[in-house]
Protein backbone atom coordinates (compact mmCIF):
# COMPACT_ATOMS: atom_id res chain seq x y z
CA MET A 1 0.00 0.00 0.00
CA ILE A 2 2.80 2.41 0.91
CA ARG A 3 4.64 1.64 -2.34
CA ARG A 4 1.42 2.14 -4.33
CA ARG A 5 0.82 5.53 -2.71
CA ALA A 6 4.42 6.53 -3.39
CA ALA A 7 4.00 5.50 -7.02
CA ILE A 8 0.80 7.55 -7.40
CA ALA A 9 2.48 10.52 -5.71
CA GLY A 10 5.29 10.07 -8.23
CA LEU A 11 2.82 10.60 -11.08
CA TYR A 12 1.98 14.05 -9.75
CA ALA A 13 5.57 14.90 -8.80
CA GLY A 14 6.51 14.25 -12.43
CA GLY A 15 4.21 17.14 -13.32
CA PHE A 16 6.42 19.43 -11.21
CA LEU A 17 9.72 18.25 -12.67
CA GLY A 18 9.05 19.06 -16.34
CA PRO A 19 8.31 22.80 -16.14
CA PHE A 20 10.80 23.23 -13.29
CA GLY A 21 13.63 21.73 -15.32
CA GLY A 22 12.64 23.83 -18.32
CA GLY A 23 12.58 27.15 -16.50
CA VAL A 24 15.39 26.65 -14.00
CA THR A 25 17.89 28.64 -16.11
CA VAL A 26 15.68 31.74 -16.44
CA ALA A 27 17.15 33.57 -13.43
CA MET A 28 20.74 32.33 -13.83
CA LEU A 29 21.50 33.49 -17.39
CA PRO A 30 24.13 36.09 -16.36
CA GLU A 31 25.93 33.49 -14.19
CA LEU A 32 25.77 30.91 -16.97
CA GLY A 33 27.15 33.41 -19.45
CA ALA A 34 29.96 34.46 -17.13
CA ASP A 35 30.96 30.85 -16.42
CA PHE A 36 30.99 29.81 -20.07
CA GLY A 37 32.40 33.06 -21.43
CA VAL A 38 29.29 33.96 -23.48
CA SER A 39 26.74 36.76 -23.26
CA ALA A 40 23.54 36.40 -21.24
CA ALA A 41 21.63 36.58 -24.53
CA THR A 42 23.61 33.60 -25.84
CA ALA A 43 23.05 31.77 -22.56
CA ALA A 44 19.31 32.20 -23.14
CA GLY A 45 19.74 29.54 -25.82
CA SER A 46 19.53 27.08 -22.92
CA LEU A 47 15.78 27.72 -22.84
CA THR A 48 15.35 27.09 -26.57
CA ALA A 49 17.58 24.00 -26.39
CA TYR A 50 15.17 22.48 -23.87
CA LEU A 51 11.89 23.64 -25.40
CA VAL A 52 12.36 22.70 -29.06
CA PRO A 53 13.03 18.96 -28.60
CA PHE A 54 10.44 18.84 -25.84
CA ALA A 55 7.68 20.21 -28.08
CA GLY A 56 8.87 18.48 -31.25
CA LEU A 57 9.14 14.99 -29.79
CA MET A 58 5.75 15.25 -28.11
CA LEU A 59 4.19 15.02 -31.55
CA VAL A 60 5.06 11.30 -31.37
CA SER A 61 6.31 10.53 -27.84
CA GLY A 62 2.93 9.71 -26.30
CA THR A 63 2.16 7.14 -28.97
CA LEU A 64 5.67 5.65 -29.00
CA GLY A 65 5.76 5.51 -25.20
CA ALA A 66 2.42 3.67 -25.06
CA ARG A 67 3.64 1.27 -27.75
CA TRP A 68 6.89 0.52 -25.91
CA GLY A 69 5.21 0.36 -22.49
CA ALA A 70 4.32 3.37 -20.38
CA ARG A 71 6.11 2.35 -17.20
CA ARG A 72 9.24 1.31 -19.05
CA SER A 73 9.25 4.48 -21.13
CA VAL A 74 8.75 6.85 -18.20
CA ARG A 75 11.35 5.14 -16.02
CA THR A 76 13.87 5.17 -18.86
CA ALA A 77 13.11 8.84 -19.52
CA TYR A 78 13.76 9.69 -15.86
CA LEU A 79 17.11 7.90 -15.97
CA VAL A 80 18.05 9.72 -19.17
CA TYR A 81 17.02 12.95 -17.45
CA VAL A 82 19.37 12.10 -14.57
CA ALA A 83 22.28 11.52 -16.94
CA SER A 84 21.63 14.72 -18.88
CA SER A 85 21.35 16.73 -15.65
CA VAL A 86 24.73 15.42 -14.56
CA LEU A 87 26.13 16.38 -17.96
CA CYS A 88 24.81 19.93 -17.53
CA ALA A 89 26.21 20.13 -13.98
CA VAL A 90 29.75 19.13 -14.95
CA SER A 91 29.98 20.89 -18.33
CA THR A 92 32.77 23.38 -18.84
CA TRP A 93 32.01 23.97 -22.55
CA PHE A 94 28.83 25.77 -23.53
CA PRO A 95 27.92 23.57 -26.54
CA LEU A 96 28.18 20.51 -24.28
CA PHE A 97 25.91 22.21 -21.74
CA LEU A 98 23.39 22.92 -24.50
CA ALA A 99 23.56 19.26 -25.56
CA GLY A 100 22.61 18.30 -22.02
CA ARG A 101 19.64 20.67 -22.16
CA VAL A 102 18.52 19.16 -25.47
CA VAL A 103 18.55 15.68 -23.93
CA GLN A 104 16.67 16.94 -20.85
CA GLY A 105 13.92 18.33 -23.06
CA ALA A 106 13.77 15.14 -25.11
CA ALA A 107 13.49 13.00 -21.98
CA ASN A 108 10.71 15.17 -20.56
CA ALA A 109 8.74 14.68 -23.78
CA PHE A 110 8.43 11.00 -22.80
CA THR A 111 7.13 11.69 -19.29
CA THR A 112 4.48 14.44 -19.37
CA PRO A 113 1.93 12.91 -21.82
CA LEU A 114 2.27 9.40 -20.40
CA LEU A 115 1.82 10.67 -16.84
CA LEU A 116 -1.29 12.62 -17.86
CA ALA A 117 -2.77 9.56 -19.59
CA ALA A 118 -2.05 7.37 -16.55
CA ILE A 119 -3.67 9.87 -14.20
CA ALA A 120 -6.75 9.98 -16.42
CA ALA A 121 -6.91 6.17 -16.50
CA ALA A 122 -6.74 5.98 -12.71
CA ALA A 123 -9.33 8.69 -12.03
CA PRO A 124 -13.08 8.04 -11.82
CA ALA A 125 -14.89 9.89 -14.61
CA HIS A 126 -16.70 12.19 -12.15
CA ARG A 127 -13.37 13.28 -10.60
CA LEU A 128 -11.29 13.66 -13.76
CA GLY A 129 -11.28 17.46 -13.58
CA ARG A 130 -10.08 17.53 -9.96
CA THR A 131 -7.38 14.98 -10.74
CA LEU A 132 -6.10 16.95 -13.72
CA GLY A 133 -6.38 20.15 -11.69
CA LEU A 134 -4.02 18.73 -9.07
CA PHE A 135 -1.53 17.75 -11.78
CA SER A 136 -1.81 21.22 -13.31
CA SER A 137 -1.26 22.87 -9.93
CA LEU A 138 2.03 21.01 -9.58
CA GLN A 139 3.02 22.03 -13.11
CA ALA A 140 2.26 25.64 -12.16
CA ALA A 141 4.30 25.22 -8.97
CA GLY A 142 7.24 23.98 -11.01
CA GLN A 143 6.94 26.82 -13.50
CA THR A 144 6.58 29.46 -10.77
CA SER A 145 9.33 28.21 -8.46
CA ALA A 146 11.93 27.42 -11.13
CA PRO A 147 13.30 30.98 -11.54
CA LEU A 148 13.34 31.53 -7.77
CA LEU A 149 15.10 28.28 -6.82
CA GLY A 150 17.41 28.44 -9.83
CA GLY A 151 18.38 31.98 -8.89
CA LEU A 152 19.03 30.98 -5.26
CA ALA A 153 21.20 28.08 -6.40
CA ALA A 154 23.16 30.43 -8.68
CA GLU A 155 24.05 32.56 -5.63
CA VAL A 156 26.33 29.64 -4.69
CA THR A 157 26.81 27.94 -8.06
CA TRP A 158 24.28 27.36 -10.83
CA ARG A 159 25.47 23.75 -11.03
CA LEU A 160 23.60 22.97 -7.79
CA ALA A 161 20.30 23.44 -9.61
CA PHE A 162 21.12 20.64 -12.04
CA VAL A 163 22.31 18.37 -9.26
CA GLY A 164 18.95 19.00 -7.59
CA VAL A 165 16.77 18.20 -10.59
CA GLY A 166 18.90 15.13 -11.30
CA LEU A 167 18.33 13.83 -7.77
CA VAL A 168 14.58 14.44 -8.06
CA ALA A 169 14.45 12.51 -11.35
CA LEU A 170 16.44 9.67 -9.77
CA ALA A 171 14.02 9.52 -6.85
CA LEU A 172 11.05 9.39 -9.23
CA ALA A 173 12.63 6.56 -11.21
CA ALA A 174 13.28 4.64 -7.99
CA ALA A 175 9.78 5.22 -6.57
CA GLY A 176 8.19 3.10 -9.27
CA LEU A 177 5.01 3.70 -11.20
CA PRO A 178 1.47 2.43 -10.59
CA ALA A 179 -0.20 -0.48 -12.32
CA GLN A 180 -2.29 1.89 -14.48
CA MET A 181 0.90 2.32 -16.54
CA PRO A 182 1.36 -1.09 -18.20
CA ASP A 183 4.79 -2.38 -19.18
CA ARG A 184 3.51 -2.99 -22.68
CA SER A 185 0.45 -2.11 -24.72
CA ALA A 186 -2.51 -4.45 -24.51
CA GLY A 187 -4.22 -5.46 -27.74
CA GLU A 188 -3.59 -3.33 -30.80
CA PRO A 189 -0.43 -1.20 -30.55
CA ALA A 190 -0.97 2.56 -30.36
CA ARG A 191 -0.90 4.15 -33.81
CA LEU A 192 0.38 7.61 -34.69
CA ARG A 193 -2.42 8.33 -37.14
CA ALA A 194 -5.02 7.76 -34.40
CA ALA A 195 -3.59 10.78 -32.58
CA TRP A 196 -3.62 12.93 -35.72
CA ARG A 197 -7.35 12.88 -36.39
CA PRO A 198 -9.16 16.24 -36.89
CA ALA A 199 -10.66 16.37 -33.41
CA VAL A 200 -7.24 16.12 -31.75
CA LEU A 201 -5.69 18.68 -34.12
CA LEU A 202 -8.48 21.14 -33.37
CA MET A 203 -7.85 20.75 -29.65
CA GLY A 204 -4.18 21.29 -30.43
CA VAL A 205 -5.10 24.60 -32.05
CA VAL A 206 -7.02 25.56 -28.90
CA ALA A 207 -4.02 24.69 -26.72
CA LEU A 208 -1.63 26.55 -29.04
CA VAL A 209 -3.71 29.74 -29.10
CA GLY A 210 -4.56 29.49 -25.41
CA TRP A 211 -1.02 29.10 -24.12
CA ALA A 212 0.55 31.44 -26.69
CA CYS A 213 -1.93 34.23 -25.98
CA LEU A 214 -1.97 33.90 -22.19
CA GLY A 215 1.25 32.53 -20.67
CA GLY A 216 3.15 33.23 -23.87
CA VAL A 217 2.68 37.02 -23.64
CA SER A 218 4.47 37.32 -20.29
CA PHE A 219 7.52 38.74 -22.09
CA LEU A 220 5.28 41.50 -23.51
CA VAL A 221 4.07 42.28 -20.01
CA ALA A 222 7.70 42.57 -18.92
CA PHE A 223 8.37 44.98 -21.81
CA GLN A 224 5.33 47.04 -20.86
CA LEU A 225 6.29 47.16 -17.18
CA GLU A 226 9.67 48.59 -18.11
CA ASP A 227 8.57 50.95 -20.87
CA ALA A 228 5.35 52.30 -19.35
CA PHE A 229 6.14 52.13 -15.63
CA GLY A 230 9.95 52.07 -15.43
CA LEU A 231 10.13 48.94 -13.26
CA GLY A 232 13.47 47.23 -12.71
CA ALA A 233 14.15 43.53 -13.16
CA GLY A 234 13.30 42.54 -9.58
CA ALA A 235 9.98 44.39 -9.53
CA ARG A 236 9.06 43.03 -12.95
CA GLY A 237 9.80 39.48 -11.83
CA LEU A 238 7.72 39.90 -8.68
CA LEU A 239 4.71 41.20 -10.59
CA LEU A 240 4.95 38.48 -13.24
CA THR A 241 5.00 35.82 -10.51
CA GLY A 242 1.38 36.68 -9.67
CA PHE A 243 0.31 34.86 -12.85
CA GLY A 244 1.85 31.61 -11.66
CA VAL A 245 0.80 31.95 -8.02
CA LEU A 246 -2.89 32.44 -8.80
CA GLY A 247 -2.63 29.71 -11.43
CA LEU A 248 -1.26 27.37 -8.77
CA LEU A 249 -3.95 28.28 -6.23
CA SER A 250 -6.83 28.04 -8.70
CA ALA A 251 -5.99 24.78 -10.48
CA ARG A 252 -7.81 22.45 -8.09
CA PRO A 253 -10.97 24.61 -7.80
CA VAL A 254 -10.96 24.80 -11.60
CA GLY A 255 -10.87 20.99 -11.66
CA ARG A 256 -13.99 20.86 -9.49
CA PHE A 257 -15.67 23.33 -11.85
CA ILE A 258 -14.88 21.02 -14.76
CA ASP A 259 -16.32 17.99 -12.99
CA ARG A 260 -19.56 19.93 -12.54
CA PHE A 261 -19.92 21.88 -15.78
CA GLY A 262 -17.66 20.08 -18.25
CA GLY A 263 -14.40 20.79 -20.02
CA ARG A 264 -15.97 22.65 -22.92
CA VAL A 265 -17.55 25.27 -20.67
CA SER A 266 -14.24 25.63 -18.82
CA VAL A 267 -12.26 26.19 -22.04
CA LEU A 268 -14.73 28.80 -23.29
CA ALA A 269 -14.72 30.57 -19.93
CA GLY A 270 -10.94 30.61 -19.84
CA ALA A 271 -10.60 31.96 -23.38
CA LEU A 272 -13.19 34.70 -23.03
CA ALA A 273 -12.19 35.69 -19.50
CA GLY A 274 -8.51 35.61 -20.44
CA ALA A 275 -9.00 37.91 -23.41
CA VAL A 276 -10.06 40.76 -21.12
CA PRO A 277 -6.90 41.12 -18.97
CA VAL A 278 -4.61 40.51 -21.95
CA ALA A 279 -6.26 43.37 -23.85
CA LEU A 280 -6.29 45.74 -20.87
CA VAL A 281 -2.73 45.14 -19.66
CA GLY A 282 -1.44 46.78 -22.83
CA VAL A 283 -3.40 50.02 -22.39
CA LEU A 284 -4.03 50.68 -18.68
CA PRO A 285 -1.84 53.42 -17.14
CA TRP A 286 -2.33 52.28 -13.50
CA LEU A 287 0.23 49.74 -12.24
CA PRO A 288 -1.90 48.10 -9.48
CA ALA A 289 -4.61 47.34 -12.05
CA VAL A 290 -2.05 45.78 -14.38
CA ALA A 291 -0.74 43.61 -11.52
CA VAL A 292 -4.21 42.36 -10.59
CA LEU A 293 -5.25 41.72 -14.18
CA TRP A 294 -2.10 39.76 -15.00
CA ALA A 295 -2.57 37.59 -11.91
CA LEU A 296 -6.19 36.93 -12.95
CA ALA A 297 -4.94 35.88 -16.37
CA GLY A 298 -3.23 32.99 -14.56
CA VAL A 299 -6.64 31.78 -13.35
CA ALA A 300 -8.10 32.04 -16.86
CA THR A 301 -5.18 29.99 -18.15
CA GLN A 302 -6.02 27.14 -15.79
CA PHE A 303 -9.66 27.14 -16.94
CA LEU A 304 -8.48 26.84 -20.53
CA LEU A 305 -5.60 24.37 -20.19
CA VAL A 306 -7.11 22.00 -17.60
CA GLY A 307 -10.33 22.08 -19.63
CA VAL A 308 -8.44 21.11 -22.78
CA ASN A 309 -6.74 18.22 -20.99
CA ALA A 310 -10.07 17.00 -19.63
CA LEU A 311 -11.70 17.11 -23.07
CA VAL A 312 -8.84 15.22 -24.70
CA LEU A 313 -8.41 12.60 -21.98
CA SER A 314 -12.15 11.91 -21.68
CA GLY A 315 -12.34 11.15 -25.41
CA ASP A 316 -12.67 7.67 -26.87
CA GLY A 317 -10.05 7.76 -29.62
CA GLY A 318 -8.19 4.71 -28.28
CA ASN A 319 -4.79 6.41 -27.94
CA ARG A 320 -5.01 8.72 -24.94
CA SER A 321 -1.26 9.07 -24.58
CA GLY A 322 -0.86 9.98 -28.24
CA ASP A 323 -3.81 12.39 -28.19
CA ILE A 324 -2.61 14.39 -25.19
CA SER A 325 0.96 14.26 -26.48
CA VAL A 326 0.02 15.94 -29.77
CA VAL A 327 -2.07 18.58 -28.00
CA GLN A 328 0.75 19.38 -25.56
CA ALA A 329 3.19 19.66 -28.47
CA PHE A 330 0.94 22.26 -30.10
CA ARG A 331 0.73 24.09 -26.78
CA PHE A 332 4.49 24.50 -26.46
CA PHE A 333 4.98 25.31 -30.13
CA GLY A 334 2.64 28.23 -29.46
CA LEU A 335 4.84 29.36 -26.59
CA ALA A 336 7.91 29.22 -28.82
CA LEU A 337 6.28 31.16 -31.67
CA THR A 338 4.85 34.03 -29.63
CA PRO A 339 8.02 36.13 -29.19
CA VAL A 340 8.85 35.83 -32.89
CA ALA A 341 5.34 36.86 -33.93
CA LEU A 342 4.58 39.63 -31.44
CA THR A 343 7.88 41.38 -30.70
CA PRO A 344 7.87 43.28 -34.05
CA VAL A 345 4.23 44.24 -33.46
CA TYR A 346 5.07 45.56 -30.00
CA HIS A 347 7.76 47.84 -31.40
CA LEU A 348 5.21 49.31 -33.82
CA SER A 349 2.31 49.52 -31.36
CA PRO A 350 2.35 48.13 -27.79
CA ALA A 351 -1.44 48.23 -27.58
CA ALA A 352 -1.83 46.22 -30.80
CA ALA A 353 0.60 43.58 -29.50
CA PHE A 354 -1.83 42.86 -26.67
CA LEU A 355 -5.06 43.31 -28.61
CA ILE A 356 -4.07 40.71 -31.23
CA PRO A 357 -3.68 37.79 -28.77
CA ALA A 358 -6.82 38.93 -26.94
CA GLY A 359 -8.74 38.82 -30.21
CA LEU A 360 -7.36 35.37 -31.06
CA LEU A 361 -8.51 34.03 -27.70
CA ALA A 362 -12.01 35.41 -28.16
CA LEU A 363 -12.41 34.24 -31.78
CA VAL A 364 -10.27 31.19 -32.54
CA VAL A 365 -10.97 29.12 -29.42
CA PRO A 366 -14.81 29.19 -29.68
CA VAL A 367 -14.67 28.45 -33.41
CA ALA A 368 -12.28 25.51 -32.95
CA LEU A 369 -14.53 24.04 -30.25
CA GLN A 370 -17.58 24.42 -32.47
CA LEU A 371 -15.83 22.66 -35.37
CA ASN A 372 -14.69 19.73 -33.21
CA PRO A 373 -16.71 16.73 -34.45
CA GLU A 374 -16.21 14.65 -31.30
CA GLN A 375 -17.44 17.44 -29.05
CA ARG A 376 -20.57 17.84 -31.21
CA VAL A 377 -21.27 14.14 -30.77
CA HIS A 378 -20.85 14.35 -27.01
CA ARG A 379 -23.19 17.34 -26.73
CA GLY A 380 -25.80 15.57 -28.83
CA ALA A 381 -25.63 12.54 -26.56
CA GLU A 382 -26.22 14.74 -23.55
């Protein structure tokens, strides 16, 4: 019983590790640059090196992991994560450090979707939202705490942060995984094309737009805080943290909302409610209002993202791991594309740079949900 509880706890702890490992270098870029003899801007490549293989491999990792065996795949991914963390911690050459980050991101691509699918398989249907809300709260905790803990580690040496995440991954691999994650697929092997059907791709569009236009615009908020209010780096970081803190606190209540009203209502509420603070943050001249609105955007994000996960994982496509893997890949591709798409717009018109993502949230998400053939079937059955 104790081992089973530890294994279930490990499922949720894995939700913390992924975003924490991805964002741990955010606050240590000057120290990384100084140690490797590169600029802080060049050191920022450590974020891209993690994110690109993470998002790219998730297009196929959920399906491949289910085909190879979920428990085997996740445990192997944790061990690879340990090895790559050690590589990062001992690197004295920046390209070698980046190689370690690439492998970290690739390994994480084989944990997140399989963990989500296992949690969905273990949860009763009437508690799926709460279960996914708990997982999302731990993801938010990882995302929010990564810059803080990474920065504290860098006060001594940034290498401590990678020793820490390596030890966590090792503990998760040793804890074992519950029986809901079979060592091999039962029956027909999971197929890639099953996860690429129109319904899944439409939900991927929702996740892409939702994450790109909410969490993805945090860099624009930072620009605005400096340009319009003259805030320094510390004050900007503190205000931006409100997004993650309220996201963390709201994830479980959002899950209960989903269990009562459904994932579709939650996604619509998140998109429409999120469009309002995103639009206003770019035009309001009062700093306290901007701080409150940006924190509330974190709540809207949980409505949208947990709702998307619930819709995908409650579907009957036969390849849950592959479905959620593709949707999560779209989500993080959206995050990667946002700076490229919106930075030039911001330099032309700061207000327009916020109004465009707000408009996309209000228009694209409802249309994509309406076009989703599986959701139309489910509503008809109700």
